[in-house]
């Protein structure tokens, strides 16, 4: 019983407060400046239990006088008339879809998002009633009429799609695009049929049908300005298609047999000829090494071009290490005429690797990476004093360069002991002394 009494008392109190000061009790915010006079009269707009019906708005704001009545004695502008027409063209009048209040004194705050979908279908096709001030003045737009929706959407002006078939049935491309037509020679000869090369969606990329436009012309009738000024192009005449295609200049194919039948290679390629010794000796017959499709790879017939020592042409490529200084000019002893590497090295020219000397390189060449130095003491445990004494007898003081005298496994082939019968190594001599 007490709870019911409390609920009833609370309800009566709330009703009294609403009646006494409805603005303070229910308002969600201050009214706009135009609604200031009815700020405390909620029932001027609101109907109890029904909310805010549009009929209440129209009572004060007739749709055909919106934006016009407020101008007083001033005549309405086109924008004013358009705004009034817009409000009359909604399929269903619902002011709350775009307008609100209690958002502050600035009227702009009382406007929310606008949707074209609320307009009648007929009025949605008459975009220029509202947007005539936004209409561009270029060539296509004056001809398009008032149906902006044919290219644009109600959300954004751009990107815009344009359907040429709907608008240009009786027109040529130049009726709209004359100002964007290039003034070069190609376009002057192409006539007004832009679609022969271009599409209706983009100008580029463009394809040109040479057979259609250039049947009675040479390439240079249109392309004289893009012809290179080098020696080669000056000699080949006006028949560009001998090397180029009608779709792209590059890559270009060049038929030497057709163009250069009475010329040598250097008639056209003299500037590209290297100035090294090899090319100075080779003469003008570039085809002896090169092909007509590419300079490289090039093959050299040494038997045909050079009968001299290799260093006559390749001296600058000769390594300066000790090994190459010793071999002289006979590069062919290790290398071939086709390529420098891989190279074969004939070790027997310096020391014969036979019998017990069939060892690894590291056995004698102990210095890593340096094959010009060697030692024989990796296997021969000679007594240095004994070796010195024996070589002094032969008047030999340099005992470090063994292979200078001993070119094979026969230790007695050098010096003055070559003819001695039999042989004993240093260990046997040491035993005799003991």
Protein backbone atom coordinates (compact mmCIF):
# COMPACT_ATOMS: atom_id res chain seq x y z
CA UNK A 1 0.00 0.00 0.00
CA UNK A 2 2.82 2.36 0.89
CA UNK A 3 4.62 1.65 -2.36
CA UNK A 4 1.59 2.57 -4.39
CA UNK A 5 1.20 5.79 -2.48
CA UNK A 6 4.87 6.67 -3.11
CA UNK A 7 4.57 5.90 -6.85
CA UNK A 8 1.42 8.04 -7.12
CA UNK A 9 3.06 10.92 -5.30
CA UNK A 10 6.15 10.77 -7.53
CA UNK A 11 4.00 10.81 -10.65
CA UNK A 12 1.99 13.79 -9.50
CA UNK A 13 5.15 15.68 -8.62
CA UNK A 14 6.75 14.97 -12.02
CA UNK A 15 3.60 16.09 -13.83
CA UNK A 16 3.52 19.29 -11.83
CA UNK A 17 7.17 20.04 -12.69
CA UNK A 18 6.57 19.38 -16.40
CA UNK A 19 3.54 21.68 -16.45
CA UNK A 20 5.28 24.38 -14.46
CA UNK A 21 8.55 24.33 -16.46
CA UNK A 22 8.44 21.98 -19.46
CA UNK A 23 11.65 23.39 -20.94
CA UNK A 24 13.73 22.56 -17.89
CA UNK A 25 12.07 19.19 -17.40
CA UNK A 26 12.10 17.72 -20.93
CA UNK A 27 14.28 19.81 -23.27
CA UNK A 28 17.42 18.09 -24.60
CA UNK A 29 19.09 21.40 -25.43
CA UNK A 30 18.56 25.01 -26.50
CA UNK A 31 16.33 25.79 -29.49
CA UNK A 32 17.40 27.47 -32.70
CA UNK A 33 17.07 31.24 -33.00
CA UNK A 34 13.93 30.97 -35.12
CA UNK A 35 12.16 28.85 -32.54
CA UNK A 36 13.04 31.08 -29.59
CA UNK A 37 9.47 32.35 -29.16
CA UNK A 38 8.10 28.84 -28.62
CA UNK A 39 10.98 27.57 -26.53
CA UNK A 40 8.65 26.99 -23.53
CA UNK A 41 5.66 25.85 -25.56
CA UNK A 42 6.46 22.19 -26.18
CA UNK A 43 2.95 21.48 -27.44
CA UNK A 44 3.46 23.92 -30.30
CA UNK A 45 5.46 21.14 -32.00
CA UNK A 46 5.02 18.01 -29.92
CA UNK A 47 1.81 16.02 -29.54
CA UNK A 48 1.52 13.91 -26.38
CA UNK A 49 1.98 10.23 -27.06
CA UNK A 50 2.54 10.94 -30.80
CA UNK A 51 5.91 12.65 -30.84
CA UNK A 52 6.51 15.40 -33.40
CA UNK A 53 4.30 14.96 -36.47
CA UNK A 54 5.31 16.71 -39.70
CA UNK A 55 1.91 18.39 -39.84
CA UNK A 56 2.96 20.58 -36.93
CA UNK A 57 6.06 21.72 -38.86
CA UNK A 58 4.10 22.46 -42.05
CA UNK A 59 1.67 24.64 -40.08
CA UNK A 60 4.44 27.22 -39.70
CA UNK A 61 6.62 26.18 -42.65
CA UNK A 62 4.50 25.60 -45.78
CA UNK A 63 6.52 23.54 -48.22
CA UNK A 64 5.98 25.90 -51.17
CA UNK A 65 7.27 28.91 -49.22
CA UNK A 66 10.36 27.41 -47.56
CA UNK A 67 13.35 29.75 -48.11
CA UNK A 68 11.07 32.26 -49.87
CA UNK A 69 8.80 33.66 -47.16
CA UNK A 70 11.78 34.58 -44.98
CA UNK A 71 13.15 36.91 -47.68
CA UNK A 72 10.39 39.45 -47.08
CA UNK A 73 10.25 42.02 -49.86
CA UNK A 74 13.31 40.66 -51.69
CA UNK A 75 12.59 38.55 -54.78
CA UNK A 76 13.53 34.87 -54.45
CA UNK A 77 16.69 33.63 -56.13
CA UNK A 78 16.99 30.47 -58.19
CA UNK A 79 18.41 28.71 -55.16
CA UNK A 80 15.42 29.76 -53.06
CA UNK A 81 12.97 28.50 -55.66
CA UNK A 82 14.90 25.24 -56.00
CA UNK A 83 14.85 24.72 -52.24
CA UNK A 84 11.09 25.23 -52.13
CA UNK A 85 10.64 22.82 -55.05
CA UNK A 86 12.82 20.26 -53.32
CA UNK A 87 10.65 20.26 -50.19
CA UNK A 88 7.49 19.78 -52.22
CA UNK A 89 8.98 16.83 -54.10
CA UNK A 90 9.47 14.35 -51.28
CA UNK A 91 7.47 11.19 -51.82
CA UNK A 92 6.50 11.29 -48.13
CA UNK A 93 6.74 14.32 -45.91
CA UNK A 94 8.86 13.50 -42.88
CA UNK A 95 10.67 16.59 -41.65
CA UNK A 96 12.57 14.67 -38.98
CA UNK A 97 14.54 12.77 -41.62
CA UNK A 98 16.61 15.91 -42.27
CA UNK A 99 15.80 18.37 -39.47
CA UNK A 100 15.97 18.41 -35.72
CA UNK A 101 16.19 21.03 -32.96
CA UNK A 102 17.46 21.54 -29.43
CA UNK A 103 21.00 21.63 -30.86
CA UNK A 104 21.81 25.27 -30.17
CA UNK A 105 20.89 28.64 -31.67
CA UNK A 106 22.75 28.13 -34.98
CA UNK A 107 20.21 26.91 -37.60
CA UNK A 108 22.93 24.91 -39.37
CA UNK A 109 23.13 22.56 -36.39
CA UNK A 110 19.49 21.61 -36.91
CA UNK A 111 20.21 19.99 -40.30
CA UNK A 112 21.28 16.36 -40.48
CA UNK A 113 22.25 14.08 -43.38
CA UNK A 114 20.19 14.38 -46.55
CA UNK A 115 19.22 11.35 -48.63
CA UNK A 116 18.07 11.66 -52.24
CA UNK A 117 16.18 8.42 -51.82
CA UNK A 118 13.36 10.26 -50.08
CA UNK A 119 12.56 12.24 -53.23
CA UNK A 120 9.99 11.12 -55.73
CA UNK A 121 11.38 9.12 -58.66
CA UNK A 122 10.46 11.86 -61.15
CA UNK A 123 12.18 14.59 -59.18
CA UNK A 124 15.34 12.53 -58.75
CA UNK A 125 15.87 12.84 -62.52
CA UNK A 126 15.75 16.66 -62.36
CA UNK A 127 19.12 17.24 -60.66
CA UNK A 128 19.54 20.74 -62.07
CA UNK A 129 16.53 22.03 -60.14
CA UNK A 130 18.85 22.08 -57.11
CA UNK A 131 22.33 21.73 -58.59
CA UNK A 132 22.22 24.08 -61.56
CA UNK A 133 24.85 26.25 -59.89
CA UNK A 134 27.21 23.25 -59.72
CA UNK A 135 26.87 22.41 -63.40
CA UNK A 136 30.15 22.72 -65.37
CA UNK A 137 30.18 24.88 -68.49
CA UNK A 138 32.43 22.66 -70.63
CA UNK A 139 31.29 21.14 -73.92
CA UNK A 140 29.81 17.83 -72.76
CA UNK A 141 27.61 19.16 -69.94
CA UNK A 142 25.42 21.67 -71.84
CA UNK A 143 24.48 18.85 -74.24
CA UNK A 144 23.64 16.29 -71.60
CA UNK A 145 20.37 17.82 -70.38
CA UNK A 146 19.24 17.68 -66.77
CA UNK A 147 19.73 13.99 -66.07
CA UNK A 148 22.93 14.18 -64.01
CA UNK A 149 22.19 10.72 -62.68
CA UNK A 150 23.10 9.28 -66.06
CA UNK A 151 26.78 9.77 -65.15
CA UNK A 152 26.88 10.76 -61.48
CA UNK A 153 25.59 9.21 -58.30
CA UNK A 154 23.66 10.87 -55.49
CA UNK A 155 26.54 10.18 -53.10
CA UNK A 156 29.43 11.83 -54.97
CA UNK A 157 29.99 13.72 -58.21
CA UNK A 158 33.19 11.77 -58.83
CA UNK A 159 34.12 9.31 -60.09
CA UNK A 160 31.60 9.72 -62.89
CA UNK A 161 30.73 7.16 -65.56
CA UNK A 162 29.75 8.35 -69.02
CA UNK A 163 27.80 6.20 -71.45
CA UNK A 164 28.51 7.59 -74.90
CA UNK A 165 25.93 5.38 -76.56
CA UNK A 166 23.13 7.11 -74.67
CA UNK A 167 24.10 10.67 -75.64
CA UNK A 168 26.23 10.69 -78.77
CA UNK A 169 24.09 8.76 -81.26
CA UNK A 170 23.92 11.65 -83.71
CA UNK A 171 27.23 13.30 -82.90
CA UNK A 172 30.89 12.77 -83.65
CA UNK A 173 33.55 12.71 -80.95
CA UNK A 174 34.70 16.20 -81.93
CA UNK A 175 31.29 17.70 -81.23
CA UNK A 176 32.27 17.44 -77.56
CA UNK A 177 36.06 16.89 -77.59
CA UNK A 178 37.29 19.36 -80.19
CA UNK A 179 39.26 21.33 -77.61
CA UNK A 180 41.24 18.29 -76.47
CA UNK A 181 42.17 17.17 -79.98
CA UNK A 182 45.98 17.23 -80.43
CA UNK A 183 47.31 19.37 -83.27
CA UNK A 184 50.06 17.03 -84.46
CA UNK A 185 50.26 15.59 -87.95
CA UNK A 186 48.87 12.19 -87.01
CA UNK A 187 45.67 13.61 -85.57
CA UNK A 188 45.19 16.04 -88.45
CA UNK A 189 45.13 13.10 -90.84
CA UNK A 190 43.04 10.85 -88.62
CA UNK A 191 39.76 12.58 -89.31
CA UNK A 192 36.95 12.88 -86.78
CA UNK A 193 36.59 9.20 -85.93
CA UNK A 194 38.42 9.19 -82.59
CA UNK A 195 36.99 5.77 -81.75
CA UNK A 196 39.15 4.27 -84.51
CA UNK A 197 42.11 4.54 -82.12
CA UNK A 198 40.66 5.49 -78.73
CA UNK A 199 38.05 3.93 -76.47
CA UNK A 200 35.07 5.66 -74.89
CA UNK A 201 36.42 4.98 -71.38
CA UNK A 202 39.97 6.35 -71.68
CA UNK A 203 42.07 8.22 -74.28
CA UNK A 204 45.10 6.08 -73.43
CA UNK A 205 46.37 3.58 -74.28
CA UNK A 206 45.44 4.21 -77.91
CA UNK A 207 45.83 1.78 -80.80
CA UNK A 208 46.12 2.96 -84.39
CA UNK A 209 45.21 0.91 -87.43
CA UNK A 210 47.86 1.93 -89.93
CA UNK A 211 46.23 -0.02 -92.73
CA UNK A 212 43.11 2.13 -92.38
CA UNK A 213 44.70 5.57 -92.24
CA UNK A 214 48.09 5.24 -93.95
CA UNK A 215 47.30 3.21 -97.05
CA UNK A 216 48.67 5.86 -99.43
CA UNK A 217 51.35 7.32 -97.14
CA UNK A 218 54.86 6.45 -96.08
CA UNK A 219 55.79 6.26 -92.41
CA UNK A 220 57.57 9.61 -92.60
CA UNK A 221 54.43 11.42 -93.68
CA UNK A 222 53.41 11.22 -90.02
CA UNK A 223 56.60 10.33 -88.14
CA UNK A 224 59.21 12.60 -89.72
CA UNK A 225 59.84 14.40 -86.43
CA UNK A 226 60.62 11.20 -84.52
CA UNK A 227 63.14 9.90 -87.06
CA UNK A 228 66.61 9.63 -85.48
CA UNK A 229 69.36 11.71 -87.07
CA UNK A 230 72.14 9.11 -86.83
CA UNK A 231 74.07 7.69 -89.82
CA UNK A 232 72.17 4.44 -89.87
CA UNK A 233 68.73 6.03 -90.24
CA UNK A 234 69.93 8.49 -92.84
CA UNK A 235 71.00 5.57 -95.06
CA UNK A 236 67.98 3.31 -94.75
CA UNK A 237 65.50 5.55 -96.55
CA UNK A 238 61.84 6.06 -95.66
CA UNK A 239 60.71 2.46 -95.25
CA UNK A 240 60.56 2.29 -91.45
CA UNK A 241 58.64 -0.99 -91.51
CA UNK A 242 61.76 -2.79 -92.71
CA UNK A 243 62.91 -2.71 -89.08
CA UNK A 244 59.96 -1.47 -87.03
CA UNK A 245 56.38 -2.62 -86.56
CA UNK A 246 53.19 -0.57 -86.63
CA UNK A 247 52.51 -1.31 -82.95
CA UNK A 248 55.82 -0.30 -81.33
CA UNK A 249 59.13 1.25 -82.41
CA UNK A 250 61.04 -1.12 -80.14
CA UNK A 251 62.29 -3.76 -80.19
CA UNK A 252 63.39 -3.23 -83.78
CA UNK A 253 64.67 -5.92 -86.14
CA UNK A 254 67.28 -5.00 -88.71
CA UNK A 255 67.82 -7.01 -91.87
CA UNK A 256 71.42 -6.30 -92.91
CA UNK A 257 71.15 -8.23 -96.16
CA UNK A 258 68.34 -5.97 -97.35
CA UNK A 259 69.74 -2.60 -96.35
CA UNK A 260 73.51 -3.00 -96.40
CA UNK A 261 74.18 -5.13 -99.48
CA UNK A 262 76.80 -2.75 -100.91
CA UNK A 263 78.35 -1.58 -97.64
CA UNK A 264 80.82 -2.85 -95.12
CA UNK A 265 80.01 -2.96 -91.41
CA UNK A 266 82.14 0.10 -90.67
CA UNK A 267 80.14 2.22 -93.10
CA UNK A 268 77.47 2.36 -90.40
CA UNK A 269 79.24 1.16 -87.25
CA UNK A 270 82.58 2.97 -87.44
CA UNK A 271 81.85 4.92 -84.25
CA UNK A 272 81.06 1.72 -82.37
CA UNK A 273 84.37 0.09 -83.34
CA UNK A 274 86.70 -0.39 -80.33
CA UNK A 275 90.11 1.23 -80.56
CA UNK A 276 92.11 -1.65 -79.06
CA UNK A 277 94.95 -3.47 -80.82
CA UNK A 278 92.86 -6.51 -81.65
CA UNK A 279 90.24 -4.54 -83.59
CA UNK A 280 92.86 -2.46 -85.36
CA UNK A 281 94.35 -5.65 -86.80
CA UNK A 282 91.04 -7.27 -87.68
CA UNK A 283 90.20 -4.94 -90.54
CA UNK A 284 86.64 -4.00 -91.54
CA UNK A 285 85.15 -7.48 -91.67
CA UNK A 286 83.20 -7.35 -88.39
CA UNK A 287 81.22 -10.41 -89.47
CA UNK A 288 84.35 -12.53 -89.01
CA UNK A 289 83.69 -12.41 -85.25
CA UNK A 290 80.28 -10.79 -84.75
CA UNK A 291 76.76 -11.54 -85.97
CA UNK A 292 74.19 -9.16 -87.42
CA UNK A 293 71.84 -9.69 -84.47
CA UNK A 294 74.21 -8.79 -81.64
CA UNK A 295 77.81 -7.70 -81.04
CA UNK A 296 78.11 -10.17 -78.18
CA UNK A 297 78.92 -12.93 -77.69
CA UNK A 298 81.69 -12.68 -80.30
CA UNK A 299 83.83 -15.53 -81.58
CA UNK A 300 87.39 -14.94 -82.82
CA UNK A 301 89.03 -17.19 -85.37
CA UNK A 302 92.66 -16.80 -84.32
CA UNK A 303 93.94 -18.74 -87.29
CA UNK A 304 92.28 -16.25 -89.61
CA UNK A 305 93.12 -12.98 -87.86
CA UNK A 306 96.39 -13.33 -86.03
CA UNK A 307 99.39 -15.44 -86.69
CA UNK A 308 101.55 -13.66 -84.14
CA UNK A 309 102.37 -14.40 -80.53
CA UNK A 310 99.36 -14.11 -78.19
CA UNK A 311 100.91 -11.14 -76.42
CA UNK A 312 100.77 -9.11 -79.63
CA UNK A 313 97.07 -8.58 -78.86
CA UNK A 314 96.68 -9.71 -75.26
CA UNK A 315 99.76 -8.29 -73.57
CA UNK A 316 97.64 -6.03 -71.34
CA UNK A 317 95.71 -9.03 -70.02
CA UNK A 318 98.84 -10.93 -69.12
CA UNK A 319 99.15 -11.42 -65.33
CA UNK A 320 102.27 -9.99 -63.71
CA UNK A 321 102.95 -12.91 -61.36
CA UNK A 322 106.20 -14.92 -61.41
CA UNK A 323 104.63 -17.89 -63.11
CA UNK A 324 103.58 -15.93 -66.18
CA UNK A 325 106.86 -14.07 -66.34
CA UNK A 326 108.64 -17.41 -66.74
CA UNK A 327 106.53 -18.93 -69.50
CA UNK A 328 107.30 -16.33 -72.16
CA UNK A 329 104.82 -15.48 -74.93
CA UNK A 330 103.48 -18.95 -75.58
CA UNK A 331 100.06 -18.53 -73.97
CA UNK A 332 98.86 -21.56 -75.93
CA UNK A 333 100.92 -23.81 -73.69
CA UNK A 334 98.21 -23.44 -71.02
CA UNK A 335 95.31 -21.57 -72.60
CA UNK A 336 93.07 -22.13 -75.62
CA UNK A 337 92.04 -19.62 -78.29
CA UNK A 338 88.40 -19.86 -77.21
CA UNK A 339 88.69 -18.82 -73.58
CA UNK A 340 91.35 -18.03 -70.96
CA UNK A 341 89.85 -20.26 -68.30
CA UNK A 342 89.92 -23.02 -67.44
CA UNK A 343 93.65 -23.18 -68.19
CA UNK A 344 95.83 -26.28 -68.24
CA UNK A 345 99.32 -26.12 -66.72
CA UNK A 346 102.07 -28.49 -67.83
CA UNK A 347 104.09 -29.02 -64.68
CA UNK A 348 106.69 -31.15 -66.44
CA UNK A 349 108.05 -28.03 -68.10
CA UNK A 350 109.39 -27.01 -64.71
CA UNK A 351 109.68 -30.26 -62.78
CA UNK A 352 108.81 -33.79 -63.83
CA UNK A 353 106.33 -35.34 -61.43
CA UNK A 354 107.19 -38.99 -61.88
CA UNK A 355 108.05 -41.93 -59.62
CA UNK A 356 108.10 -40.81 -55.94
CA UNK A 357 107.25 -37.19 -56.83
CA UNK A 358 103.61 -37.89 -57.59
CA UNK A 359 102.64 -35.87 -54.52
CA UNK A 360 100.08 -33.19 -53.70
CA UNK A 361 100.82 -29.53 -54.45
CA UNK A 362 100.97 -28.64 -50.76
CA UNK A 363 103.86 -31.07 -50.18
CA UNK A 364 106.24 -28.80 -52.06
CA UNK A 365 104.35 -25.49 -52.20
CA UNK A 366 103.90 -24.91 -48.50
CA UNK A 367 103.10 -21.19 -48.76
CA UNK A 368 99.31 -20.97 -49.19
CA UNK A 369 98.36 -19.23 -52.43
CA UNK A 370 101.93 -18.84 -53.62
CA UNK A 371 102.98 -21.51 -56.10
CA UNK A 372 106.12 -19.63 -57.12
CA UNK A 373 107.92 -20.76 -53.93
CA UNK A 374 108.64 -24.38 -53.06
CA UNK A 375 110.80 -26.62 -50.92
CA UNK A 376 112.21 -30.09 -51.39
CA UNK A 377 112.80 -30.64 -47.68
CA UNK A 378 109.23 -31.76 -47.15
CA UNK A 379 110.43 -35.25 -48.13
CA UNK A 380 114.23 -35.04 -48.41
CA UNK A 381 115.72 -34.79 -44.94
CA UNK A 382 119.10 -33.56 -46.11
CA UNK A 383 121.87 -32.40 -43.85
CA UNK A 384 122.29 -28.76 -44.74
CA UNK A 385 126.02 -28.73 -44.02
CA UNK A 386 126.55 -31.88 -46.12
CA UNK A 387 124.52 -30.44 -49.03
CA UNK A 388 126.48 -27.20 -48.86
CA UNK A 389 129.77 -29.07 -48.97
CA UNK A 390 128.78 -31.25 -51.91
CA UNK A 391 127.54 -28.28 -53.97
CA UNK A 392 130.69 -26.26 -53.27
CA UNK A 393 132.65 -29.06 -54.91
CA UNK A 394 130.59 -28.40 -58.04
CA UNK A 395 131.01 -24.67 -57.56
CA UNK A 396 127.26 -24.25 -56.84
CA UNK A 397 126.34 -21.78 -54.15
CA UNK A 398 122.57 -21.51 -54.66
CA UNK A 399 121.06 -24.59 -53.06
CA UNK A 400 117.57 -23.07 -52.55
CA UNK A 401 116.35 -23.45 -56.15
CA UNK A 402 116.68 -27.22 -56.54
CA UNK A 403 114.69 -27.61 -59.76
CA UNK A 404 117.07 -25.30 -61.58
CA UNK A 405 119.37 -28.30 -61.88
CA UNK A 406 117.19 -31.22 -60.78
CA UNK A 407 114.26 -31.31 -63.22
CA UNK A 408 113.17 -34.85 -62.38
CA UNK A 409 113.37 -37.49 -59.68
CA UNK A 410 117.02 -38.17 -60.59
CA UNK A 411 118.96 -36.08 -58.13
CA UNK A 412 122.15 -36.58 -60.14
CA UNK A 413 120.81 -35.29 -63.46
CA UNK A 414 122.17 -31.82 -62.68
CA UNK A 415 125.62 -30.62 -61.76
CA UNK A 416 128.73 -32.72 -62.45
CA UNK A 417 127.56 -36.01 -61.00
CA UNK A 418 125.31 -36.91 -63.94
CA UNK A 419 127.59 -39.58 -65.33
CA UNK A 420 128.48 -41.26 -62.06
CA UNK A 421 127.60 -44.91 -61.86
CA UNK A 422 125.25 -45.85 -59.15
CA UNK A 423 123.82 -43.39 -56.62
CA UNK A 424 123.73 -43.03 -52.90
CA UNK A 425 121.60 -40.62 -50.97
CA UNK A 426 122.80 -38.40 -48.20
CA UNK A 427 121.87 -40.87 -45.50
CA UNK A 428 124.26 -43.49 -46.90
CA UNK A 429 127.07 -40.89 -46.91
CA UNK A 430 126.35 -40.10 -43.31
CA UNK A 431 126.60 -43.82 -42.42
CA UNK A 432 130.06 -44.05 -44.06
CA UNK A 433 131.29 -41.13 -42.05
CA UNK A 434 130.20 -42.90 -38.87
